Full PDB file with SEQRES, HELIX, SHEET, SSBOND, CRYST1, ORIGX, SCALE, CONECT and MASTER records, all heavy atoms in Angstrom:
SEQRES   1 A   41  ARG ASP PHE LEU GLU LYS ASP LEU GLY ILE GLU GLY MET          
SEQRES   2 A   41  LYS LYS SER ILE ILE VAL CYS ALA THR SER ASP LYS ALA          
SEQRES   3 A   41  ALA LEU VAL ARG LEU LYS GLY ALA PHE THR ALA THR ALA          
SEQRES   4 A   41  ILE ALA                                                      
HELIX    1 AA1 ASP A    2  ASP A    2  1                                   1    
HELIX    2 AA2 PHE A    3  LEU A    8  3                                   6    
HELIX    3 AA3 GLY A    9  LYS A   14  1                                   6    
HELIX    4 AA4 ALA A   27  ILE A   40  1                                  14    
CRYST1    1.000    1.000    1.000  90.00  90.00  90.00 P 1           1          
ORIGX1      1.000000  0.000000  0.000000        0.00000                         
ORIGX2      0.000000  1.000000  0.000000        0.00000                         
ORIGX3      0.000000  0.000000  1.000000        0.00000                         
SCALE1      1.000000  0.000000  0.000000        0.00000                         
SCALE2      0.000000  1.000000  0.000000        0.00000                         
SCALE3      0.000000  0.000000  1.000000        0.00000                         
ATOM      1  N   ARG A   1      27.578  76.116 269.815  1.00  0.00           N  
ATOM      2  CA  ARG A   1      28.567  77.155 269.728  1.00  0.00           C  
ATOM      3  C   ARG A   1      29.454  76.777 268.501  1.00  0.00           C  
ATOM      4  O   ARG A   1      29.905  77.624 267.681  1.00  0.00           O  
ATOM      5  CB  ARG A   1      29.209  77.483 270.854  1.00  0.00           C  
ATOM      6  CG  ARG A   1      30.123  78.710 270.881  1.00  0.00           C  
ATOM      7  CD  ARG A   1      29.198  79.951 270.885  1.00  0.00           C  
ATOM      8  NE  ARG A   1      30.051  81.178 270.928  1.00  0.00           N  
ATOM      9  CZ  ARG A   1      30.334  81.814 271.963  1.00  0.00           C  
ATOM     10  NH1 ARG A   1      29.959  81.380 273.217  1.00  0.00           N  
ATOM     11  NH2 ARG A   1      31.041  82.979 271.857  1.00  0.00           N  
ATOM     12  N   ASP A   2      29.814  75.478 268.525  1.00  0.00           N  
ATOM     13  CA  ASP A   2      30.756  74.956 267.534  1.00  0.00           C  
ATOM     14  C   ASP A   2      30.166  75.185 266.069  1.00  0.00           C  
ATOM     15  O   ASP A   2      30.687  75.609 265.175  1.00  0.00           O  
ATOM     16  CB  ASP A   2      31.096  73.477 267.643  1.00  0.00           C  
ATOM     17  CG  ASP A   2      32.129  73.346 268.625  1.00  0.00           C  
ATOM     18  OD1 ASP A   2      32.738  74.324 269.156  1.00  0.00           O  
ATOM     19  OD2 ASP A   2      32.638  72.112 268.927  1.00  0.00           O  
ATOM     20  N   PHE A   3      28.739  74.790 266.085  1.00  0.00           N  
ATOM     21  CA  PHE A   3      28.202  74.909 264.686  1.00  0.00           C  
ATOM     22  C   PHE A   3      28.138  76.353 264.236  1.00  0.00           C  
ATOM     23  O   PHE A   3      28.162  76.611 263.165  1.00  0.00           O  
ATOM     24  CB  PHE A   3      26.733  74.310 264.874  1.00  0.00           C  
ATOM     25  CG  PHE A   3      25.929  74.197 263.579  1.00  0.00           C  
ATOM     26  CD1 PHE A   3      26.106  73.328 262.504  1.00  0.00           C  
ATOM     27  CD2 PHE A   3      25.038  75.222 263.246  1.00  0.00           C  
ATOM     28  CE1 PHE A   3      25.460  73.258 261.436  1.00  0.00           C  
ATOM     29  CE2 PHE A   3      24.362  75.176 262.063  1.00  0.00           C  
ATOM     30  CZ  PHE A   3      24.572  74.233 261.154  1.00  0.00           C  
ATOM     31  N   LEU A   4      27.668  77.286 265.149  1.00  0.00           N  
ATOM     32  CA  LEU A   4      27.486  78.683 264.894  1.00  0.00           C  
ATOM     33  C   LEU A   4      28.746  79.305 264.349  1.00  0.00           C  
ATOM     34  O   LEU A   4      28.869  79.961 263.280  1.00  0.00           O  
ATOM     35  CB  LEU A   4      27.044  79.538 266.095  1.00  0.00           C  
ATOM     36  CG  LEU A   4      25.601  79.151 266.570  1.00  0.00           C  
ATOM     37  CD1 LEU A   4      25.364  79.935 267.780  1.00  0.00           C  
ATOM     38  CD2 LEU A   4      24.615  79.277 265.538  1.00  0.00           C  
ATOM     39  N   GLU A   5      29.908  79.012 264.981  1.00  0.00           N  
ATOM     40  CA  GLU A   5      31.163  79.642 264.646  1.00  0.00           C  
ATOM     41  C   GLU A   5      31.979  78.940 263.651  1.00  0.00           C  
ATOM     42  O   GLU A   5      32.585  79.538 262.821  1.00  0.00           O  
ATOM     43  CB  GLU A   5      32.001  79.845 265.954  1.00  0.00           C  
ATOM     44  CG  GLU A   5      31.267  80.790 266.816  1.00  0.00           C  
ATOM     45  CD  GLU A   5      32.036  81.213 268.247  1.00  0.00           C  
ATOM     46  OE1 GLU A   5      33.338  80.618 268.295  1.00  0.00           O  
ATOM     47  OE2 GLU A   5      31.597  81.783 269.079  1.00  0.00           O  
ATOM     48  N   LYS A   6      32.131  77.609 263.725  1.00  0.00           N  
ATOM     49  CA  LYS A   6      32.942  76.725 262.891  1.00  0.00           C  
ATOM     50  C   LYS A   6      32.181  76.392 261.496  1.00  0.00           C  
ATOM     51  O   LYS A   6      32.654  76.635 260.489  1.00  0.00           O  
ATOM     52  CB  LYS A   6      33.409  75.543 263.505  1.00  0.00           C  
ATOM     53  CG  LYS A   6      34.268  74.592 262.826  1.00  0.00           C  
ATOM     54  CD  LYS A   6      34.935  73.533 263.628  1.00  0.00           C  
ATOM     55  CE  LYS A   6      33.982  72.482 264.033  1.00  0.00           C  
ATOM     56  NZ  LYS A   6      33.513  71.513 262.993  1.00  0.00           N  
ATOM     57  N   ASP A   7      30.947  75.830 261.723  1.00  0.00           N  
ATOM     58  CA  ASP A   7      30.250  75.434 260.399  1.00  0.00           C  
ATOM     59  C   ASP A   7      29.523  76.391 259.812  1.00  0.00           C  
ATOM     60  O   ASP A   7      29.557  76.523 258.526  1.00  0.00           O  
ATOM     61  CB  ASP A   7      29.372  74.254 260.897  1.00  0.00           C  
ATOM     62  CG  ASP A   7      30.016  72.938 261.465  1.00  0.00           C  
ATOM     63  OD1 ASP A   7      31.292  72.686 260.937  1.00  0.00           O  
ATOM     64  OD2 ASP A   7      29.483  72.404 262.283  1.00  0.00           O  
ATOM     65  N   LEU A   8      28.854  77.304 260.502  1.00  0.00           N  
ATOM     66  CA  LEU A   8      27.922  78.297 259.806  1.00  0.00           C  
ATOM     67  C   LEU A   8      28.779  79.563 259.481  1.00  0.00           C  
ATOM     68  O   LEU A   8      28.771  80.044 258.338  1.00  0.00           O  
ATOM     69  CB  LEU A   8      26.852  78.709 260.785  1.00  0.00           C  
ATOM     70  CG  LEU A   8      25.581  79.381 260.145  1.00  0.00           C  
ATOM     71  CD1 LEU A   8      25.145  78.489 259.072  1.00  0.00           C  
ATOM     72  CD2 LEU A   8      24.562  79.516 261.109  1.00  0.00           C  
ATOM     73  N   GLY A   9      29.438  80.094 260.478  1.00  0.00           N  
ATOM     74  CA  GLY A   9      30.332  81.290 260.152  1.00  0.00           C  
ATOM     75  C   GLY A   9      29.561  82.564 260.114  1.00  0.00           C  
ATOM     76  O   GLY A   9      28.367  82.662 260.190  1.00  0.00           O  
ATOM     77  N   ILE A  10      30.201  83.718 260.107  1.00  0.00           N  
ATOM     78  CA  ILE A  10      29.539  85.090 260.016  1.00  0.00           C  
ATOM     79  C   ILE A  10      28.750  85.119 258.826  1.00  0.00           C  
ATOM     80  O   ILE A  10      27.484  85.709 258.963  1.00  0.00           O  
ATOM     81  CB  ILE A  10      30.632  86.078 260.107  1.00  0.00           C  
ATOM     82  CG1 ILE A  10      31.458  86.166 261.344  1.00  0.00           C  
ATOM     83  CG2 ILE A  10      30.027  87.597 259.953  1.00  0.00           C  
ATOM     84  CD1 ILE A  10      32.599  86.954 261.501  1.00  0.00           C  
ATOM     85  N   GLU A  11      29.174  84.814 257.670  1.00  0.00           N  
ATOM     86  CA  GLU A  11      28.296  84.922 256.358  1.00  0.00           C  
ATOM     87  C   GLU A  11      27.030  84.100 256.502  1.00  0.00           C  
ATOM     88  O   GLU A  11      26.077  84.582 256.040  1.00  0.00           O  
ATOM     89  CB  GLU A  11      29.232  84.430 255.151  1.00  0.00           C  
ATOM     90  CG  GLU A  11      30.327  85.458 254.762  1.00  0.00           C  
ATOM     91  CD  GLU A  11      29.723  86.786 254.446  1.00  0.00           C  
ATOM     92  OE1 GLU A  11      28.774  86.882 253.536  1.00  0.00           O  
ATOM     93  OE2 GLU A  11      30.212  87.844 254.937  1.00  0.00           O  
ATOM     94  N   GLY A  12      27.130  82.820 256.911  1.00  0.00           N  
ATOM     95  CA  GLY A  12      26.013  81.947 256.991  1.00  0.00           C  
ATOM     96  C   GLY A  12      25.024  82.610 257.998  1.00  0.00           C  
ATOM     97  O   GLY A  12      23.804  82.344 257.881  1.00  0.00           O  
ATOM     98  N   MET A  13      25.501  83.232 259.163  1.00  0.00           N  
ATOM     99  CA  MET A  13      24.525  83.833 260.145  1.00  0.00           C  
ATOM    100  C   MET A  13      23.641  84.932 259.706  1.00  0.00           C  
ATOM    101  O   MET A  13      22.682  85.127 260.104  1.00  0.00           O  
ATOM    102  CB  MET A  13      25.324  84.281 261.369  1.00  0.00           C  
ATOM    103  CG  MET A  13      25.641  83.103 262.371  1.00  0.00           C  
ATOM    104  SD  MET A  13      24.165  82.353 263.142  1.00  0.00           S  
ATOM    105  CE  MET A  13      23.661  83.661 264.260  1.00  0.00           C  
ATOM    106  N   LYS A  14      24.209  85.623 258.606  1.00  0.00           N  
ATOM    107  CA  LYS A  14      23.551  86.811 258.276  1.00  0.00           C  
ATOM    108  C   LYS A  14      22.099  86.561 257.758  1.00  0.00           C  
ATOM    109  O   LYS A  14      21.150  87.382 257.960  1.00  0.00           O  
ATOM    110  CB  LYS A  14      24.253  87.545 257.176  1.00  0.00           C  
ATOM    111  CG  LYS A  14      25.532  88.342 257.711  1.00  0.00           C  
ATOM    112  CD  LYS A  14      26.287  89.009 256.480  1.00  0.00           C  
ATOM    113  CE  LYS A  14      27.538  89.741 257.116  1.00  0.00           C  
ATOM    114  NZ  LYS A  14      28.328  90.319 256.047  1.00  0.00           N  
ATOM    115  N   LYS A  15      22.021  85.543 257.077  1.00  0.00           N  
ATOM    116  CA  LYS A  15      20.594  85.097 256.511  1.00  0.00           C  
ATOM    117  C   LYS A  15      19.961  83.940 257.126  1.00  0.00           C  
ATOM    118  O   LYS A  15      19.126  83.226 256.642  1.00  0.00           O  
ATOM    119  CB  LYS A  15      20.796  84.892 254.963  1.00  0.00           C  
ATOM    120  CG  LYS A  15      21.539  83.626 254.574  1.00  0.00           C  
ATOM    121  CD  LYS A  15      21.499  83.369 253.129  1.00  0.00           C  
ATOM    122  CE  LYS A  15      22.278  82.142 252.722  1.00  0.00           C  
ATOM    123  NZ  LYS A  15      22.212  81.899 251.279  1.00  0.00           N  
ATOM    124  N   SER A  16      20.470  83.675 258.399  1.00  0.00           N  
ATOM    125  CA  SER A  16      20.032  82.377 259.233  1.00  0.00           C  
ATOM    126  C   SER A  16      19.207  82.726 260.466  1.00  0.00           C  
ATOM    127  O   SER A  16      19.483  83.788 261.008  1.00  0.00           O  
ATOM    128  CB  SER A  16      21.281  81.468 259.420  1.00  0.00           C  
ATOM    129  OG  SER A  16      21.812  81.081 258.318  1.00  0.00           O  
ATOM    130  N   ILE A  17      18.382  81.822 260.751  1.00  0.00           N  
ATOM    131  CA  ILE A  17      17.746  81.832 262.158  1.00  0.00           C  
ATOM    132  C   ILE A  17      17.962  80.454 262.781  1.00  0.00           C  
ATOM    133  O   ILE A  17      17.725  79.416 262.115  1.00  0.00           O  
ATOM    134  CB  ILE A  17      16.241  82.084 261.899  1.00  0.00           C  
ATOM    135  CG1 ILE A  17      16.022  83.469 261.184  1.00  0.00           C  
ATOM    136  CG2 ILE A  17      15.500  82.057 263.249  1.00  0.00           C  
ATOM    137  CD1 ILE A  17      14.683  83.555 260.466  1.00  0.00           C  
ATOM    138  N   ILE A  18      18.466  80.481 264.028  1.00  0.00           N  
ATOM    139  CA  ILE A  18      18.808  79.183 264.630  1.00  0.00           C  
ATOM    140  C   ILE A  18      17.830  78.921 265.814  1.00  0.00           C  
ATOM    141  O   ILE A  18      17.504  79.737 266.501  1.00  0.00           O  
ATOM    142  CB  ILE A  18      20.249  79.179 265.245  1.00  0.00           C  
ATOM    143  CG1 ILE A  18      21.269  79.910 264.222  1.00  0.00           C  
ATOM    144  CG2 ILE A  18      20.661  77.893 265.743  1.00  0.00           C  
ATOM    145  CD1 ILE A  18      21.452  79.043 263.057  1.00  0.00           C  
ATOM    146  N   VAL A  19      17.210  77.654 265.743  1.00  0.00           N  
ATOM    147  CA  VAL A  19      16.399  77.269 266.811  1.00  0.00           C  
ATOM    148  C   VAL A  19      17.050  76.237 267.553  1.00  0.00           C  
ATOM    149  O   VAL A  19      17.516  75.108 267.038  1.00  0.00           O  
ATOM    150  CB  VAL A  19      15.030  76.861 266.232  1.00  0.00           C  
ATOM    151  CG1 VAL A  19      14.133  76.272 267.406  1.00  0.00           C  
ATOM    152  CG2 VAL A  19      14.204  77.871 265.592  1.00  0.00           C  
ATOM    153  N   CYS A  20      17.294  76.412 268.820  1.00  0.00           N  
ATOM    154  CA  CYS A  20      18.178  75.399 269.592  1.00  0.00           C  
ATOM    155  C   CYS A  20      17.401  74.861 270.739  1.00  0.00           C  
ATOM    156  O   CYS A  20      17.041  75.673 271.671  1.00  0.00           O  
ATOM    157  CB  CYS A  20      19.374  76.198 269.987  1.00  0.00           C  
ATOM    158  SG  CYS A  20      20.365  75.687 271.250  1.00  0.00           S  
ATOM    159  N   ALA A  21      17.306  73.622 270.876  1.00  0.00           N  
ATOM    160  CA  ALA A  21      16.784  72.900 271.998  1.00  0.00           C  
ATOM    161  C   ALA A  21      17.748  71.717 272.374  1.00  0.00           C  
ATOM    162  O   ALA A  21      17.640  70.672 271.749  1.00  0.00           O  
ATOM    163  CB  ALA A  21      15.433  72.363 271.710  1.00  0.00           C  
ATOM    164  N   THR A  22      18.569  71.998 273.280  1.00  0.00           N  
ATOM    165  CA  THR A  22      19.700  71.045 273.590  1.00  0.00           C  
ATOM    166  C   THR A  22      19.202  69.868 274.377  1.00  0.00           C  
ATOM    167  O   THR A  22      18.060  69.816 274.846  1.00  0.00           O  
ATOM    168  CB  THR A  22      20.816  71.726 274.502  1.00  0.00           C  
ATOM    169  OG1 THR A  22      20.270  72.475 275.449  1.00  0.00           O  
ATOM    170  CG2 THR A  22      21.595  72.712 273.563  1.00  0.00           C  
ATOM    171  N   SER A  23      19.988  68.855 274.472  1.00  0.00           N  
ATOM    172  CA  SER A  23      19.503  67.453 275.014  1.00  0.00           C  
ATOM    173  C   SER A  23      19.125  67.710 276.586  1.00  0.00           C  
ATOM    174  O   SER A  23      18.388  66.783 277.042  1.00  0.00           O  
ATOM    175  CB  SER A  23      20.659  66.493 274.840  1.00  0.00           C  
ATOM    176  OG  SER A  23      21.829  67.036 275.467  1.00  0.00           O  
ATOM    177  N   ASP A  24      19.595  68.671 277.212  1.00  0.00           N  
ATOM    178  CA  ASP A  24      19.190  68.806 278.626  1.00  0.00           C  
ATOM    179  C   ASP A  24      17.898  69.464 279.056  1.00  0.00           C  
ATOM    180  O   ASP A  24      17.287  69.421 279.958  1.00  0.00           O  
ATOM    181  CB  ASP A  24      20.304  69.699 279.405  1.00  0.00           C  
ATOM    182  CG  ASP A  24      20.354  71.055 278.771  1.00  0.00           C  
ATOM    183  OD1 ASP A  24      20.688  71.166 277.579  1.00  0.00           O  
ATOM    184  OD2 ASP A  24      20.190  72.073 279.575  1.00  0.00           O  
ATOM    185  N   LYS A  25      17.240  70.017 277.770  1.00  0.00           N  
ATOM    186  CA  LYS A  25      15.946  70.593 277.945  1.00  0.00           C  
ATOM    187  C   LYS A  25      14.709  69.445 278.107  1.00  0.00           C  
ATOM    188  O   LYS A  25      15.018  68.357 277.698  1.00  0.00           O  
ATOM    189  CB  LYS A  25      15.613  71.467 276.772  1.00  0.00           C  
ATOM    190  CG  LYS A  25      16.531  72.595 276.502  1.00  0.00           C  
ATOM    191  CD  LYS A  25      16.499  73.533 277.533  1.00  0.00           C  
ATOM    192  CE  LYS A  25      17.617  74.763 277.374  1.00  0.00           C  
ATOM    193  NZ  LYS A  25      17.551  75.587 278.523  1.00  0.00           N  
ATOM    194  N   ALA A  26      13.672  69.975 278.551  1.00  0.00           N  
ATOM    195  CA  ALA A  26      12.558  68.914 278.721  1.00  0.00           C  
ATOM    196  C   ALA A  26      12.095  68.447 277.364  1.00  0.00           C  
ATOM    197  O   ALA A  26      12.196  68.978 276.321  1.00  0.00           O  
ATOM    198  CB  ALA A  26      11.376  69.803 279.381  1.00  0.00           C  
ATOM    199  N   ALA A  27      11.603  67.176 277.424  1.00  0.00           N  
ATOM    200  CA  ALA A  27      11.270  66.532 276.138  1.00  0.00           C  
ATOM    201  C   ALA A  27      10.393  67.269 275.379  1.00  0.00           C  
ATOM    202  O   ALA A  27      10.412  67.377 274.195  1.00  0.00           O  
ATOM    203  CB  ALA A  27      10.696  65.124 276.503  1.00  0.00           C  
ATOM    204  N   LEU A  28       9.396  67.903 275.967  1.00  0.00           N  
ATOM    205  CA  LEU A  28       8.376  68.781 275.179  1.00  0.00           C  
ATOM    206  C   LEU A  28       9.025  69.976 274.571  1.00  0.00           C  
ATOM    207  O   LEU A  28       8.674  70.432 273.500  1.00  0.00           O  
ATOM    208  CB  LEU A  28       7.282  69.208 276.269  1.00  0.00           C  
ATOM    209  CG  LEU A  28       5.945  69.671 275.581  1.00  0.00           C  
ATOM    210  CD1 LEU A  28       5.390  68.508 274.762  1.00  0.00           C  
ATOM    211  CD2 LEU A  28       5.095  70.079 276.638  1.00  0.00           C  
ATOM    212  N   VAL A  29       9.999  70.509 275.162  1.00  0.00           N  
ATOM    213  CA  VAL A  29      10.719  71.690 274.589  1.00  0.00           C  
ATOM    214  C   VAL A  29      11.487  71.206 273.399  1.00  0.00           C  
ATOM    215  O   VAL A  29      11.601  71.842 272.314  1.00  0.00           O  
ATOM    216  CB  VAL A  29      11.604  72.392 275.551  1.00  0.00           C  
ATOM    217  CG1 VAL A  29      12.549  73.426 274.889  1.00  0.00           C  
ATOM    218  CG2 VAL A  29      10.885  73.009 276.740  1.00  0.00           C  
ATOM    219  N   ARG A  30      12.117  69.968 273.444  1.00  0.00           N  
ATOM    220  CA  ARG A  30      12.832  69.502 272.252  1.00  0.00           C  
ATOM    221  C   ARG A  30      11.879  69.135 271.161  1.00  0.00           C  
ATOM    222  O   ARG A  30      12.121  69.426 269.954  1.00  0.00           O  
ATOM    223  CB  ARG A  30      13.553  68.150 272.711  1.00  0.00           C  
ATOM    224  CG  ARG A  30      14.873  68.492 273.380  1.00  0.00           C  
ATOM    225  CD  ARG A  30      15.612  67.130 273.873  1.00  0.00           C  
ATOM    226  NE  ARG A  30      15.162  66.703 275.113  1.00  0.00           N  
ATOM    227  CZ  ARG A  30      14.805  65.481 275.513  1.00  0.00           C  
ATOM    228  NH1 ARG A  30      15.020  64.348 274.539  1.00  0.00           N  
ATOM    229  NH2 ARG A  30      14.435  65.158 276.667  1.00  0.00           N  
ATOM    230  N   LEU A  31      10.725  68.643 271.519  1.00  0.00           N  
ATOM    231  CA  LEU A  31       9.726  68.395 270.375  1.00  0.00           C  
ATOM    232  C   LEU A  31       9.149  69.726 269.767  1.00  0.00           C  
ATOM    233  O   LEU A  31       9.118  69.757 268.559  1.00  0.00           O  
ATOM    234  CB  LEU A  31       8.614  67.589 271.125  1.00  0.00           C  
ATOM    235  CG  LEU A  31       7.522  67.114 270.248  1.00  0.00           C  
ATOM    236  CD1 LEU A  31       7.955  65.789 269.539  1.00  0.00           C  
ATOM    237  CD2 LEU A  31       6.156  66.811 270.931  1.00  0.00           C  
ATOM    238  N   LYS A  32       8.879  70.698 270.612  1.00  0.00           N  
ATOM    239  CA  LYS A  32       8.455  71.937 270.048  1.00  0.00           C  
ATOM    240  C   LYS A  32       9.472  72.641 269.268  1.00  0.00           C  
ATOM    241  O   LYS A  32       8.992  73.486 268.354  1.00  0.00           O  
ATOM    242  CB  LYS A  32       7.849  72.809 271.184  1.00  0.00           C  
ATOM    243  CG  LYS A  32       6.700  72.127 271.925  1.00  0.00           C  
ATOM    244  CD  LYS A  32       5.485  71.884 271.086  1.00  0.00           C  
ATOM    245  CE  LYS A  32       4.356  71.247 271.803  1.00  0.00           C  
ATOM    246  NZ  LYS A  32       3.234  70.846 270.802  1.00  0.00           N  
ATOM    247  N   GLY A  33      10.729  72.456 269.576  1.00  0.00           N  
ATOM    248  CA  GLY A  33      11.744  73.178 268.853  1.00  0.00           C  
ATOM    249  C   GLY A  33      11.698  72.883 267.287  1.00  0.00           C  
ATOM    250  O   GLY A  33      11.762  73.684 266.494  1.00  0.00           O  
ATOM    251  N   ALA A  34      11.334  71.563 266.969  1.00  0.00           N  
ATOM    252  CA  ALA A  34      11.144  71.196 265.462  1.00  0.00           C  
ATOM    253  C   ALA A  34       9.964  71.929 264.967  1.00  0.00           C  
ATOM    254  O   ALA A  34      10.071  72.473 263.782  1.00  0.00           O  
ATOM    255  CB  ALA A  34      10.990  69.627 265.498  1.00  0.00           C  
ATOM    256  N   PHE A  35       8.916  72.016 265.737  1.00  0.00           N  
ATOM    257  CA  PHE A  35       7.696  72.713 265.096  1.00  0.00           C  
ATOM    258  C   PHE A  35       7.890  74.303 265.165  1.00  0.00           C  
ATOM    259  O   PHE A  35       7.334  74.949 264.269  1.00  0.00           O  
ATOM    260  CB  PHE A  35       6.506  72.272 265.994  1.00  0.00           C  
ATOM    261  CG  PHE A  35       5.987  70.923 265.806  1.00  0.00           C  
ATOM    262  CD1 PHE A  35       6.161  69.976 266.921  1.00  0.00           C  
ATOM    263  CD2 PHE A  35       5.400  70.507 264.643  1.00  0.00           C  
ATOM    264  CE1 PHE A  35       5.637  68.665 266.673  1.00  0.00           C  
ATOM    265  CE2 PHE A  35       5.008  69.182 264.465  1.00  0.00           C  
ATOM    266  CZ  PHE A  35       5.131  68.226 265.536  1.00  0.00           C  
ATOM    267  N   THR A  36       8.654  74.871 266.054  1.00  0.00           N  
ATOM    268  CA  THR A  36       9.015  76.243 265.999  1.00  0.00           C  
ATOM    269  C   THR A  36       9.702  76.633 264.799  1.00  0.00           C  
ATOM    270  O   THR A  36       9.397  77.487 264.044  1.00  0.00           O  
ATOM    271  CB  THR A  36       9.739  76.607 267.276  1.00  0.00           C  
ATOM    272  OG1 THR A  36       9.005  76.416 268.558  1.00  0.00           O  
ATOM    273  CG2 THR A  36      10.220  78.043 267.239  1.00  0.00           C  
ATOM    274  N   ALA A  37      10.805  75.883 264.462  1.00  0.00           N  
ATOM    275  CA  ALA A  37      11.552  76.127 263.309  1.00  0.00           C  
ATOM    276  C   ALA A  37      10.684  76.005 261.984  1.00  0.00           C  
ATOM    277  O   ALA A  37      10.792  76.768 261.100  1.00  0.00           O  
ATOM    278  CB  ALA A  37      12.730  75.045 263.269  1.00  0.00           C  
ATOM    279  N   THR A  38       9.761  74.923 261.960  1.00  0.00           N  
ATOM    280  CA  THR A  38       8.933  74.739 260.772  1.00  0.00           C  
ATOM    281  C   THR A  38       7.982  75.994 260.596  1.00  0.00           C  
ATOM    282  O   THR A  38       7.756  76.391 259.499  1.00  0.00           O  
ATOM    283  CB  THR A  38       8.153  73.429 260.880  1.00  0.00           C  
ATOM    284  OG1 THR A  38       9.130  72.326 261.203  1.00  0.00           O  
ATOM    285  CG2 THR A  38       7.473  73.089 259.697  1.00  0.00           C  
ATOM    286  N   ALA A  39       7.457  76.353 261.730  1.00  0.00           N  
ATOM    287  CA  ALA A  39       6.497  77.560 261.795  1.00  0.00           C  
ATOM    288  C   ALA A  39       7.222  78.739 261.222  1.00  0.00           C  
ATOM    289  O   ALA A  39       6.688  79.497 260.408  1.00  0.00           O  
ATOM    290  CB  ALA A  39       5.873  77.823 263.059  1.00  0.00           C  
ATOM    291  N   ILE A  40       8.540  79.010 261.730  1.00  0.00           N  
ATOM    292  CA  ILE A  40       9.217  80.138 261.132  1.00  0.00           C  
ATOM    293  C   ILE A  40       9.454  80.068 259.654  1.00  0.00           C  
ATOM    294  O   ILE A  40       9.256  81.087 258.868  1.00  0.00           O  
ATOM    295  CB  ILE A  40      10.514  80.360 261.949  1.00  0.00           C  
ATOM    296  CG1 ILE A  40      10.244  80.681 263.481  1.00  0.00           C  
ATOM    297  CG2 ILE A  40      11.370  81.448 261.387  1.00  0.00           C  
ATOM    298  CD1 ILE A  40      11.434  80.605 264.389  1.00  0.00           C  
ATOM    299  N   ALA A  41       9.716  78.841 259.214  1.00  0.00           N  
ATOM    300  CA  ALA A  41      10.126  78.596 257.769  1.00  0.00           C  
ATOM    301  C   ALA A  41       8.781  78.890 257.072  1.00  0.00           C  
ATOM    302  O   ALA A  41       8.832  79.454 255.926  1.00  0.00           O  
ATOM    303  CB  ALA A  41      10.612  77.271 257.588  1.00  0.00           C  
TER     304      ALA A  41                                                      
MASTER        0    0    0    4    0    0    0    6  303    1    0    4          
END                                                                             
C-alpha cells in the first residue's frame, strides 16, 4: 500500500500493472509472481 500511494501515486498507476505476492504467501506463489509479471510484460 505504501508503494502504491506514496512511491507510485495516481499518475504512476494509470499506466501501471502491479503483481503482488507478499512474504506470507506460499513459496510457489512468490515464485510464480515473477513469471506472471514477465508474461504480462
